[in-house]
Amino acid sequence: MTTPAPEFPLVLGLDTFGDLTDDDTGHRLSHAQTIRDVVEEGVLAEQVGVDFFGIGEHHTDDFPMPAADVVLSAIAARTSRIRLGSAVTVLSSDDPVRVFQRYSTLNAVSGGRAEVILGRGSSIDSFPLFGYDLADYEDLFEEKTNLFAELLKGGPVTWKGKTRAALHDQDVVPHTESGPFPAWIGVGGSPQSVVRAAYYGFSLMLAIIGGSPARFEPFSKLFRQALRQLDRPPLPVGVHSPGHVAATDEQARAEFWPHYREMIRRMSETRGFAVPTEESFAYEVGPHGALYVGSPDTVAEKIAANLTLLGANRFDLKYGMGGLSHETLMTAIELYGTQVIPRVRELQAQEAAIRQ
């Protein structure tokens, strides 16, 4: 059994895609109101003890979050402790220089609390929007990751590639005050991406959105093996998975299930996902599935078990689902911060004591 690396602190965060929410009467809210609500959710997350708040980049009517860094800056202005970052930034369809500038600006605004999670994009809406060819999917991410790694080193950058203009001893501002901000690569199933994270010295975020988390255990091992072979120091491993917290298992599942089913049904039309059944949903919310839906104790026990299984020191719950109300999400955030997080820390401390 894999166990978390002791050299890294336990981090328990929340992620959102800015899913469009409904009001109490079931009417869909505007994009603008949804964005304002996410700011309030991020502020509450700090108040209840959450370690990290992330916003994933999307460009659709269901997820109107194309400028996560702007929303994170609004949260930064009203908080002082919680770390803030992307979850993820679709680097393939962006300019690495602009991504670096936006998040180094967020790092300045927040007093050094910024992070960035880079991904190729499981949602491909940004590619046609910004004029990129999906045939270049792999090459775009590889080359842009290479440039981003150079930018994080600080100092003037000299770089040449095929996806953007070359840089010749270019000073890229703003400079960070105390070294590079943390950078991660989000991995949804590609061993090549795991090795890429190790090669560039980025932390590994395992995006587990379906099926058994156990199938990702080889990725954690591959990451650590690659770091050793590259003579790099150990780096953190995190897990990002969807879920919902309510007072009881029954309430959490009843609130989440109809909206989850409808969201996956709509996505299946363009992405080929299987439409969930009540049986498949029961598996996913059970101990061996990828959904963390239930009471605080149920969710905490599942998080703790999979942190140990995957050798991870961080878990980010992707909360929310289109159609849930802002009030429901605020309750879920409060339960996560005040009950789930303390229970996970308690269970992890017990696990550490047993190992000793």
Protein backbone atom coordinates (compact mmCIF):
# COMPACT_ATOMS: atom_id res chain seq x y z
CA MET A 1 0.00 0.00 0.00
CA THR A 2 1.30 3.44 -0.97
CA THR A 3 1.45 6.09 1.75
CA PRO A 4 1.72 9.90 1.50
CA ALA A 5 5.20 11.36 1.30
CA PRO A 6 5.98 12.71 4.80
CA GLU A 7 8.04 15.64 3.49
CA PHE A 8 4.93 17.54 2.32
CA PRO A 9 2.11 18.97 4.43
CA LEU A 10 -1.44 17.75 3.96
CA VAL A 11 -3.41 20.20 1.79
CA LEU A 12 -7.20 20.05 1.47
CA GLY A 13 -8.77 22.33 -1.10
CA LEU A 14 -11.82 23.07 -3.21
CA ASP A 15 -12.14 23.49 -6.98
CA THR A 16 -14.98 24.88 -9.05
CA PHE A 17 -15.66 25.29 -12.75
CA GLY A 18 -18.15 28.05 -12.02
CA ASP A 19 -21.06 25.75 -12.87
CA LEU A 20 -24.20 27.75 -13.63
CA THR A 21 -26.45 27.67 -10.59
CA ASP A 22 -30.20 27.94 -10.07
CA ASP A 23 -32.09 30.12 -7.66
CA ASP A 24 -34.50 28.72 -5.07
CA THR A 25 -37.29 28.54 -7.65
CA GLY A 26 -35.24 26.50 -10.13
CA HIS A 27 -34.53 29.32 -12.58
CA ARG A 28 -31.02 29.48 -14.02
CA LEU A 29 -28.96 32.45 -12.85
CA SER A 30 -27.00 34.73 -15.17
CA HIS A 31 -23.33 34.26 -15.94
CA ALA A 32 -22.56 37.45 -14.04
CA GLN A 33 -24.41 36.34 -10.90
CA THR A 34 -22.74 32.94 -11.02
CA ILE A 35 -19.33 34.61 -11.13
CA ARG A 36 -20.21 36.88 -8.20
CA ASP A 37 -21.40 33.85 -6.27
CA VAL A 38 -18.07 32.07 -6.87
CA VAL A 39 -16.29 35.02 -5.28
CA GLU A 40 -18.48 34.62 -2.17
CA GLU A 41 -17.79 30.88 -2.16
CA GLY A 42 -14.05 31.50 -2.25
CA VAL A 43 -14.27 33.95 0.65
CA LEU A 44 -16.30 31.46 2.69
CA ALA A 45 -13.77 28.73 1.92
CA GLU A 46 -11.08 30.69 3.76
CA GLN A 47 -13.39 31.44 6.67
CA VAL A 48 -14.11 27.74 7.28
CA GLY A 49 -10.49 26.57 7.04
CA VAL A 50 -10.03 25.36 3.46
CA ASP A 51 -6.38 25.43 2.32
CA PHE A 52 -6.78 26.09 -1.41
CA PHE A 53 -9.44 27.44 -3.77
CA GLY A 54 -9.12 26.72 -7.47
CA ILE A 55 -11.10 27.74 -10.54
CA GLY A 56 -10.98 25.73 -13.76
CA GLU A 57 -10.91 27.46 -17.15
CA HIS A 58 -13.94 26.84 -19.36
CA HIS A 59 -15.61 28.67 -22.25
CA THR A 60 -19.18 27.35 -22.40
CA ASP A 61 -22.64 28.39 -21.32
CA ASP A 62 -22.61 25.72 -18.58
CA PHE A 63 -19.25 26.90 -17.20
CA PRO A 64 -18.80 30.66 -17.85
CA MET A 65 -15.27 30.83 -16.42
CA PRO A 66 -12.84 31.94 -19.14
CA ALA A 67 -10.90 34.31 -16.85
CA ALA A 68 -10.27 32.44 -13.62
CA ASP A 69 -7.37 34.69 -12.62
CA VAL A 70 -9.66 37.75 -12.57
CA VAL A 71 -12.13 36.02 -10.24
CA LEU A 72 -9.28 34.73 -8.08
CA SER A 73 -7.96 38.28 -7.75
CA ALA A 74 -11.35 39.39 -6.44
CA ILE A 75 -11.18 36.60 -3.86
CA ALA A 76 -7.59 37.52 -3.02
CA ALA A 77 -8.67 41.07 -2.16
CA ARG A 78 -11.05 39.73 0.50
CA THR A 79 -8.89 36.98 1.98
CA SER A 80 -5.47 36.70 3.62
CA ARG A 81 -4.56 33.02 4.04
CA ILE A 82 -6.11 30.67 1.49
CA ARG A 83 -4.02 29.71 -1.54
CA LEU A 84 -5.57 30.50 -4.91
CA GLY A 85 -5.02 28.99 -8.33
CA SER A 86 -6.26 27.51 -11.56
CA ALA A 87 -7.85 24.09 -11.84
CA VAL A 88 -6.84 23.91 -14.68
CA THR A 89 -5.42 26.45 -17.13
CA VAL A 90 -5.63 25.12 -20.69
CA LEU A 91 -2.05 25.97 -21.65
CA SER A 92 -2.32 24.45 -25.13
CA SER A 93 -4.66 27.23 -26.34
CA ASP A 94 -3.04 30.06 -24.39
CA ASP A 95 0.23 31.96 -24.51
CA PRO A 96 2.65 30.78 -21.78
CA VAL A 97 3.99 34.31 -21.37
CA ARG A 98 0.50 35.69 -20.71
CA VAL A 99 -0.32 32.81 -18.34
CA PHE A 100 2.87 33.52 -16.42
CA GLN A 101 2.11 37.25 -16.30
CA ARG A 102 -1.46 36.74 -15.12
CA TYR A 103 -0.52 34.36 -12.32
CA SER A 104 2.54 36.29 -11.24
CA THR A 105 0.20 39.29 -11.01
CA LEU A 106 -2.22 37.22 -8.92
CA ASN A 107 0.75 36.18 -6.80
CA ALA A 108 1.55 39.85 -6.17
CA VAL A 109 -2.05 40.82 -5.42
CA SER A 110 -2.49 37.90 -3.01
CA GLY A 111 0.83 38.30 -1.22
CA GLY A 112 2.39 35.11 -2.60
CA ARG A 113 -0.64 32.78 -2.52
CA ALA A 114 -0.94 31.94 -6.24
CA GLU A 115 -0.59 28.54 -7.90
CA VAL A 116 -1.22 27.29 -11.42
CA ILE A 117 -2.30 23.85 -12.59
CA LEU A 118 -1.56 23.37 -16.28
CA GLY A 119 -3.47 20.98 -18.51
CA ARG A 120 -3.92 20.01 -22.13
CA GLY A 121 -7.67 20.44 -21.80
CA SER A 122 -10.13 17.58 -21.55
CA SER A 123 -12.67 20.15 -22.72
CA ILE A 124 -11.59 21.35 -26.15
CA ASP A 125 -13.84 24.42 -26.52
CA SER A 126 -10.90 26.82 -26.34
CA PHE A 127 -9.18 25.36 -29.42
CA PRO A 128 -11.61 26.62 -32.09
CA LEU A 129 -12.30 29.75 -30.04
CA PHE A 130 -8.67 30.85 -30.26
CA GLY A 131 -7.86 29.34 -33.65
CA TYR A 132 -5.87 26.24 -32.69
CA ASP A 133 -5.93 22.96 -34.58
CA LEU A 134 -6.75 19.86 -32.54
CA ALA A 135 -4.31 17.96 -34.76
CA ASP A 136 -1.58 19.88 -32.86
CA TYR A 137 -3.00 18.89 -29.44
CA GLU A 138 0.14 17.11 -28.18
CA ASP A 139 2.74 19.38 -29.79
CA LEU A 140 1.09 22.53 -28.46
CA PHE A 141 1.17 21.36 -24.87
CA GLU A 142 4.70 19.99 -25.00
CA GLU A 143 6.21 23.15 -26.48
CA LYS A 144 4.22 25.56 -24.33
CA THR A 145 5.06 23.61 -21.18
CA ASN A 146 8.71 23.89 -22.14
CA LEU A 147 8.44 27.67 -22.40
CA PHE A 148 6.46 27.97 -19.17
CA ALA A 149 9.15 26.06 -17.31
CA GLU A 150 11.72 28.54 -18.61
CA LEU A 151 9.60 31.49 -17.50
CA LEU A 152 9.29 30.10 -13.97
CA LYS A 153 13.07 30.14 -13.58
CA GLY A 154 13.03 33.93 -13.52
CA GLY A 155 15.43 36.25 -15.26
CA PRO A 156 15.66 37.06 -18.97
CA VAL A 157 14.37 34.25 -21.21
CA THR A 158 15.80 33.05 -24.50
CA TRP A 159 13.58 30.51 -26.24
CA LYS A 160 12.64 29.39 -29.73
CA GLY A 161 9.79 27.17 -30.90
CA LYS A 162 7.04 26.78 -33.51
CA THR A 163 3.94 27.91 -31.60
CA ARG A 164 4.81 31.55 -30.91
CA ALA A 165 7.48 34.17 -31.59
CA ALA A 166 10.95 33.49 -30.23
CA LEU A 167 12.24 35.25 -27.14
CA HIS A 168 15.75 36.71 -27.06
CA ASP A 169 17.03 37.65 -23.60
CA GLN A 170 13.51 38.86 -22.84
CA ASP A 171 12.66 40.24 -19.41
CA VAL A 172 9.12 39.07 -18.54
CA VAL A 173 7.30 41.05 -15.84
CA PRO A 174 6.07 41.17 -13.15
CA HIS A 175 8.92 39.53 -11.28
CA THR A 176 7.95 37.36 -8.32
CA GLU A 177 9.18 38.41 -4.89
CA SER A 178 10.33 35.06 -3.52
CA GLY A 179 10.97 32.61 -6.30
CA PRO A 180 8.53 30.80 -8.58
CA PHE A 181 4.94 30.18 -7.56
CA PRO A 182 3.92 26.49 -7.41
CA ALA A 183 3.09 24.88 -10.75
CA TRP A 184 1.37 21.55 -11.33
CA ILE A 185 0.46 19.46 -14.35
CA GLY A 186 -3.00 17.95 -14.33
CA VAL A 187 -3.08 14.35 -15.57
CA GLY A 188 -6.24 12.50 -16.52
CA GLY A 189 -4.82 9.22 -17.81
CA SER A 190 -1.61 9.77 -19.76
CA PRO A 191 1.67 8.25 -18.48
CA GLN A 192 3.50 10.62 -20.84
CA SER A 193 2.04 13.56 -18.93
CA VAL A 194 3.24 12.07 -15.65
CA VAL A 195 6.79 11.84 -16.98
CA ARG A 196 6.50 15.34 -18.46
CA ALA A 197 5.62 16.75 -15.03
CA ALA A 198 8.69 15.12 -13.53
CA TYR A 199 10.93 16.24 -16.38
CA TYR A 200 10.00 19.90 -15.97
CA GLY A 201 9.95 19.79 -12.18
CA PHE A 202 6.21 20.38 -11.82
CA SER A 203 4.04 18.76 -9.15
CA LEU A 204 1.51 16.12 -10.22
CA MET A 205 -2.27 16.59 -9.96
CA LEU A 206 -4.27 13.42 -10.69
CA ALA A 207 -7.64 14.37 -12.17
CA ILE A 208 -9.85 11.39 -11.29
CA ILE A 209 -13.40 11.98 -12.49
CA GLY A 210 -14.64 8.43 -13.01
CA GLY A 211 -13.84 4.82 -12.26
CA SER A 212 -11.67 3.44 -9.51
CA PRO A 213 -9.01 5.78 -8.05
CA ALA A 214 -6.86 2.68 -7.57
CA ARG A 215 -6.04 2.65 -11.28
CA PHE A 216 -4.06 5.87 -10.76
CA GLU A 217 -1.73 4.33 -8.19
CA PRO A 218 0.83 3.38 -10.89
CA PHE A 219 0.95 7.05 -11.92
CA SER A 220 2.07 8.14 -8.45
CA LYS A 221 4.77 5.48 -8.50
CA LEU A 222 5.83 6.42 -12.05
CA PHE A 223 6.11 10.07 -11.02
CA ARG A 224 8.38 9.33 -8.08
CA GLN A 225 10.44 6.92 -10.12
CA ALA A 226 10.88 9.52 -12.89
CA LEU A 227 11.92 12.18 -10.38
CA ARG A 228 14.60 9.86 -8.98
CA GLN A 229 15.89 8.96 -12.43
CA LEU A 230 16.05 12.64 -13.36
CA ASP A 231 17.88 13.38 -10.10
CA ARG A 232 15.13 15.77 -9.03
CA PRO A 233 13.94 16.22 -5.44
CA PRO A 234 10.57 14.76 -4.38
CA LEU A 235 7.51 16.80 -5.37
CA PRO A 236 3.90 16.80 -4.14
CA VAL A 237 1.14 14.63 -5.59
CA GLY A 238 -2.46 15.81 -5.49
CA VAL A 239 -5.89 14.44 -6.37
CA HIS A 240 -8.79 16.35 -7.95
CA SER A 241 -12.21 14.66 -7.94
CA PRO A 242 -15.88 15.72 -8.02
CA GLY A 243 -18.23 15.51 -5.07
CA HIS A 244 -20.84 17.08 -2.85
CA VAL A 245 -21.25 17.27 0.93
CA ALA A 246 -24.56 17.45 2.82
CA ALA A 247 -25.74 16.56 6.30
CA THR A 248 -26.44 12.91 5.40
CA ASP A 249 -25.50 10.49 2.64
CA GLU A 250 -29.10 10.37 1.47
CA GLN A 251 -29.42 14.14 1.24
CA ALA A 252 -26.10 14.57 -0.58
CA ARG A 253 -26.96 11.92 -3.17
CA ALA A 254 -30.50 13.22 -3.69
CA GLU A 255 -29.21 16.77 -4.27
CA PHE A 256 -26.35 15.77 -6.55
CA TRP A 257 -27.70 12.86 -8.64
CA PRO A 258 -30.27 14.54 -10.95
CA HIS A 259 -27.94 17.39 -11.85
CA TYR A 260 -24.97 15.06 -12.33
CA ARG A 261 -27.03 12.79 -14.60
CA GLU A 262 -28.22 15.71 -16.71
CA MET A 263 -24.76 17.24 -17.02
CA ILE A 264 -23.16 13.98 -18.15
CA ARG A 265 -26.07 13.34 -20.51
CA ARG A 266 -25.46 16.66 -22.26
CA MET A 267 -21.71 16.11 -22.37
CA SER A 268 -22.20 12.62 -23.80
CA GLU A 269 -23.57 14.16 -26.99
CA THR A 270 -20.20 15.71 -27.85
CA ARG A 271 -17.66 13.75 -25.81
CA GLY A 272 -18.99 10.20 -25.98
CA PHE A 273 -19.48 9.70 -22.25
CA ALA A 274 -21.76 6.93 -21.11
CA VAL A 275 -24.95 8.32 -19.56
CA PRO A 276 -24.91 7.34 -15.88
CA THR A 277 -27.51 5.02 -14.43
CA GLU A 278 -28.59 4.78 -10.82
CA GLU A 279 -26.45 1.63 -10.58
CA SER A 280 -23.34 3.28 -12.00
CA PHE A 281 -23.88 6.30 -9.76
CA ALA A 282 -24.15 4.04 -6.72
CA TYR A 283 -20.77 2.54 -7.63
CA GLU A 284 -19.12 5.93 -8.15
CA VAL A 285 -20.26 7.26 -4.77
CA GLY A 286 -19.25 4.00 -3.07
CA PRO A 287 -15.82 3.28 -1.58
CA HIS A 288 -14.23 2.30 -4.92
CA GLY A 289 -15.65 5.02 -7.17
CA ALA A 290 -14.47 8.51 -8.07
CA LEU A 291 -17.34 10.62 -6.66
CA TYR A 292 -17.07 11.99 -3.11
CA VAL A 293 -20.77 12.44 -2.40
CA GLY A 294 -22.13 12.00 1.10
CA SER A 295 -22.09 13.12 4.71
CA PRO A 296 -18.93 14.72 6.16
CA ASP A 297 -17.82 11.39 7.67
CA THR A 298 -18.39 9.46 4.43
CA VAL A 299 -16.50 11.99 2.33
CA ALA A 300 -13.66 12.33 4.85
CA GLU A 301 -13.11 8.58 5.12
CA LYS A 302 -12.99 8.22 1.35
CA ILE A 303 -10.55 11.12 0.97
CA ALA A 304 -8.23 9.75 3.66
CA ALA A 305 -8.28 6.24 2.19
CA ASN A 306 -7.41 7.43 -1.31
CA LEU A 307 -4.70 9.82 -0.14
CA THR A 308 -3.00 6.81 1.41
CA LEU A 309 -3.66 4.57 -1.59
CA LEU A 310 -2.26 7.08 -4.09
CA GLY A 311 0.61 8.38 -2.02
CA ALA A 312 -0.83 11.89 -2.26
CA ASN A 313 -0.55 14.77 0.17
CA ARG A 314 -3.26 16.95 -1.35
CA PHE A 315 -6.94 16.56 -2.19
CA ASP A 316 -9.07 19.14 -4.02
CA LEU A 317 -12.81 18.47 -4.07
CA LYS A 318 -14.43 19.73 -7.26
CA TYR A 319 -17.64 20.93 -5.64
CA GLY A 320 -20.81 22.07 -7.38
CA MET A 321 -22.88 20.84 -10.29
CA GLY A 322 -24.99 22.85 -12.69
CA GLY A 323 -28.46 23.36 -11.23
CA LEU A 324 -27.51 23.29 -7.55
CA SER A 325 -28.29 26.55 -5.78
CA HIS A 326 -25.69 28.93 -4.41
CA GLU A 327 -27.11 28.35 -0.93
CA THR A 328 -26.65 24.57 -1.30
CA LEU A 329 -23.05 25.10 -2.39
CA MET A 330 -22.34 27.42 0.54
CA THR A 331 -23.63 24.76 2.92
CA ALA A 332 -21.43 22.14 1.25
CA ILE A 333 -18.37 24.41 1.57
CA GLU A 334 -19.08 25.02 5.25
CA LEU A 335 -19.43 21.30 5.94
CA TYR A 336 -16.25 20.56 4.00
CA GLY A 337 -14.23 23.12 5.94
CA THR A 338 -15.63 22.61 9.41
CA GLN A 339 -16.21 18.84 9.42
CA VAL A 340 -14.57 17.04 6.49
CA ILE A 341 -11.15 18.67 6.75
CA PRO A 342 -10.69 18.12 10.51
CA ARG A 343 -11.80 14.49 10.14
CA VAL A 344 -9.38 13.83 7.26
CA ARG A 345 -6.53 15.30 9.29
CA GLU A 346 -7.50 13.11 12.23
CA LEU A 347 -7.61 9.97 10.08
CA GLN A 348 -4.27 10.79 8.45
CA ALA A 349 -2.68 11.37 11.86
CA GLN A 350 -3.97 7.98 13.00
CA GLU A 351 -2.55 6.35 9.86
CA ALA A 352 0.83 8.02 10.47
CA ALA A 353 0.86 6.82 14.08
CA ILE A 354 0.16 3.24 12.97
CA ARG A 355 3.03 3.35 10.46
CA GLN A 356 5.40 4.50 13.18
